[in-house]
C-alpha atoms as a PDB file:
ATOM      1  CA  ASN A   1      -8.334  -9.654 -28.511  1.00  0.00           C
ATOM      2  CA  ASN A   2     -10.162  -9.033 -25.171  1.00  0.00           C
ATOM      3  CA  THR A   3      -8.556 -11.095 -22.595  1.00  0.00           C
ATOM      4  CA  ASP A   4      -5.049  -8.444 -24.164  1.00  0.00           C
ATOM      5  CA  ASN A   5      -6.657  -5.252 -23.527  1.00  0.00           C
ATOM      6  CA  PHE A   6      -7.958  -6.671 -19.634  1.00  0.00           C
ATOM      7  CA  THR A   7      -4.433  -7.905 -18.997  1.00  0.00           C
ATOM      8  CA  LYS A   8      -2.704  -4.603 -19.918  1.00  0.00           C
ATOM      9  CA  GLN A   9      -5.593  -2.810 -18.241  1.00  0.00           C
ATOM     10  CA  TYR A  10      -5.161  -4.976 -15.110  1.00  0.00           C
ATOM     11  CA  TYR A  11      -0.976  -4.513 -15.364  1.00  0.00           C
ATOM     12  CA  THR A  12      -1.602  -0.949 -15.956  1.00  0.00           C
ATOM     13  CA  ALA A  13      -3.780  -0.036 -12.915  1.00  0.00           C
ATOM     14  CA  ALA A  14      -1.474  -2.209 -10.665  1.00  0.00           C
ATOM     15  CA  GLN A  15       1.075   0.336 -12.062  1.00  0.00           C
ATOM     16  CA  ALA A  16      -0.969   3.367 -10.911  1.00  0.00           C
ATOM     17  CA  PHE A  17      -1.572   1.725  -7.668  1.00  0.00           C
ATOM     18  CA  SER A  18       1.840   1.296  -6.858  1.00  0.00           C
ATOM     19  CA  THR A  19       2.386   5.128  -7.914  1.00  0.00           C
ATOM     20  CA  ALA A  20      -0.857   5.862  -5.807  1.00  0.00           C
ATOM     21  CA  TYR A  21       0.864   4.009  -2.421  1.00  0.00           C
ATOM     22  CA  SER A  22       4.517   5.519  -3.417  1.00  0.00           C
ATOM     23  CA  GLU A  23       2.805   9.217  -3.370  1.00  0.00           C
ATOM     24  CA  ALA A  24       0.783   8.279  -0.020  1.00  0.00           C
ATOM     25  CA  ALA A  25       3.652   7.793   1.716  1.00  0.00           C
ATOM     26  CA  ALA A  26       4.815  10.518   0.859  1.00  0.00           C
ATOM     27  CA  GLN A  27       2.164  12.739   1.824  1.00  0.00           C
ATOM     28  CA  LEU A  28       2.414  10.850   5.252  1.00  0.00           C
ATOM     29  CA  LYS A  29       6.276  11.378   6.050  1.00  0.00           C
ATOM     30  CA  GLN A  30       5.239  15.288   5.368  1.00  0.00           C
ATOM     31  CA  THR A  31       2.658  15.103   7.964  1.00  0.00           C
ATOM     32  CA  PRO A  32       3.701  16.117  11.296  1.00  0.00           C
ATOM     33  CA  VAL A  33       1.605  13.808  14.121  1.00  0.00           C
ATOM     34  CA  PRO A  34       1.443  13.821  17.655  1.00  0.00           C
ATOM     35  CA  SER A  35       4.344  11.740  19.649  1.00  0.00           C
ATOM     36  CA  SER A  36       1.364   8.644  20.597  1.00  0.00           C
ATOM     37  CA  LEU A  37       0.891   8.063  17.201  1.00  0.00           C
ATOM     38  CA  ALA A  38       4.494   8.534  15.784  1.00  0.00           C
ATOM     39  CA  GLU A  39       5.091   4.752  15.681  1.00  0.00           C
ATOM     40  CA  TYR A  40       1.738   3.977  14.029  1.00  0.00           C
ATOM     41  CA  HIS A  41       2.010   6.807  11.439  1.00  0.00           C
ATOM     42  CA  LEU A  42       5.650   5.175  10.609  1.00  0.00           C
ATOM     43  CA  GLN A  43       4.442   1.743  10.348  1.00  0.00           C
ATOM     44  CA  LEU A  44       1.755   2.911   7.583  1.00  0.00           C
ATOM     45  CA  ILE A  45       4.305   4.773   5.500  1.00  0.00           C
ATOM     46  CA  ASN A  46       6.720   1.668   5.299  1.00  0.00           C
ATOM     47  CA  SER A  47       3.380  -0.700   4.590  1.00  0.00           C
ATOM     48  CA  TYR A  48       2.575   2.274   2.010  1.00  0.00           C
ATOM     49  CA  LEU A  49       5.853   1.838   0.479  1.00  0.00           C
ATOM     50  CA  SER A  50       5.652  -2.259   1.226  1.00  0.00           C
ATOM     51  CA  SER A  51       2.317  -2.027  -0.729  1.00  0.00           C
ATOM     52  CA  SER A  52       3.837   0.091  -3.877  1.00  0.00           C
ATOM     53  CA  ALA A  53       7.056  -2.239  -4.409  1.00  0.00           C
ATOM     54  CA  ALA A  54       4.360  -5.406  -4.126  1.00  0.00           C
ATOM     55  CA  MET A  55       1.947  -3.304  -6.399  1.00  0.00           C
ATOM     56  CA  SER A  56       4.474  -2.759  -9.341  1.00  0.00           C
ATOM     57  CA  ALA A  57       6.075  -6.366  -8.912  1.00  0.00           C
ATOM     58  CA  VAL A  58       1.793  -7.847  -9.590  1.00  0.00           C
ATOM     59  CA  ALA A  59       2.557  -4.878 -12.945  1.00  0.00           C
ATOM     60  CA  LYS A  60       4.975  -7.061 -13.693  1.00  0.00           C
ATOM     61  CA  THR A  61       4.050 -10.670 -13.498  1.00  0.00           C
ATOM     62  CA  GLU A  62       4.109 -11.391 -17.593  1.00  0.00           C
ATOM     63  CA  ASP A  63       7.370 -11.114 -17.197  1.00  0.00           C
ATOM     64  CA  ASP A  64       7.787 -12.895 -13.685  1.00  0.00           C
ATOM     65  CA  SER A  65       5.057 -14.692 -12.372  1.00  0.00           C
ATOM     66  CA  VAL A  66       6.911 -15.851  -9.401  1.00  0.00           C
ATOM     67  CA  THR A  67       7.586 -12.033  -8.459  1.00  0.00           C
ATOM     68  CA  GLY A  68       4.448 -11.146  -9.340  1.00  0.00           C
ATOM     69  CA  PHE A  69       2.518 -13.496  -6.971  1.00  0.00           C
ATOM     70  CA  ALA A  70       4.916 -12.704  -4.243  1.00  0.00           C
ATOM     71  CA  GLY A  71       3.620  -9.370  -4.869  1.00  0.00           C
ATOM     72  CA  LEU A  72      -0.157 -10.499  -4.462  1.00  0.00           C
ATOM     73  CA  VAL A  73       1.195 -12.417  -1.562  1.00  0.00           C
ATOM     74  CA  ALA A  74       2.937  -9.092   0.212  1.00  0.00           C
ATOM     75  CA  LEU A  75      -0.297  -7.104  -0.686  1.00  0.00           C
ATOM     76  CA  ASN A  76      -2.446  -8.976   0.733  1.00  0.00           C
ATOM     77  CA  GLN A  77      -0.402  -8.897   4.127  1.00  0.00           C
ATOM     78  CA  ASN A  78       0.194  -5.536   3.719  1.00  0.00           C
ATOM     79  CA  LEU A  79      -3.705  -4.856   3.212  1.00  0.00           C
ATOM     80  CA  ASP A  80      -4.530  -6.644   6.790  1.00  0.00           C
ATOM     81  CA  ARG A  81      -1.389  -4.530   8.637  1.00  0.00           C
ATOM     82  CA  GLU A  82      -2.963  -1.000   7.104  1.00  0.00           C
ATOM     83  CA  ASP A  83      -6.106  -1.578   8.265  1.00  0.00           C
ATOM     84  CA  ALA A  84      -4.979  -2.820  11.635  1.00  0.00           C
ATOM     85  CA  LEU A  85      -2.934   0.090  11.918  1.00  0.00           C
ATOM     86  CA  ILE A  86      -5.368   2.821  10.606  1.00  0.00           C
ATOM     87  CA  LEU A  87      -7.996   1.080  13.261  1.00  0.00           C
ATOM     88  CA  LYS A  88      -5.282   2.016  15.672  1.00  0.00           C
ATOM     89  CA  ILE A  89      -4.504   5.564  14.642  1.00  0.00           C
ATOM     90  CA  SER A  90      -8.511   6.018  14.711  1.00  0.00           C
ATOM     91  CA  GLU A  91      -8.850   4.551  18.229  1.00  0.00           C
ATOM     92  CA  ILE A  92      -5.939   6.879  19.423  1.00  0.00           C
ATOM     93  CA  LEU A  93      -7.759  10.202  18.428  1.00  0.00           C
ATOM     94  CA  THR A  94     -10.800   9.420  19.416  1.00  0.00           C
ATOM     95  CA  ALA A  95      -9.753   8.854  23.121  1.00  0.00           C
ATOM     96  CA  ARG A  96      -8.102  11.931  22.388  1.00  0.00           C
ATOM     97  CA  GLY A  97     -11.509  13.634  21.313  1.00  0.00           C
ATOM     98  CA  LEU A  98     -10.474  14.108  17.885  1.00  0.00           C
END
């Protein structure tokens, strides 16, 4: 059934995004930043870890639809936060001529 294949692919992609968020957070943890960026850097790491957990919850929607929906809500909030953090980091770097 095409719907079953799509659903399986969707959940597989959600789990892949969970892994990607987790790996991005790990890489950011290893990246040294100036003190002027430390707060935003840490917030971005934490948001990526939260997004990883959210995508993992989405990947398990078939087993627990309530948790999957909560994952979507968290992901939506995190995406807005991540956009704002990246913008703030960019502004700081631009102000410093980087």
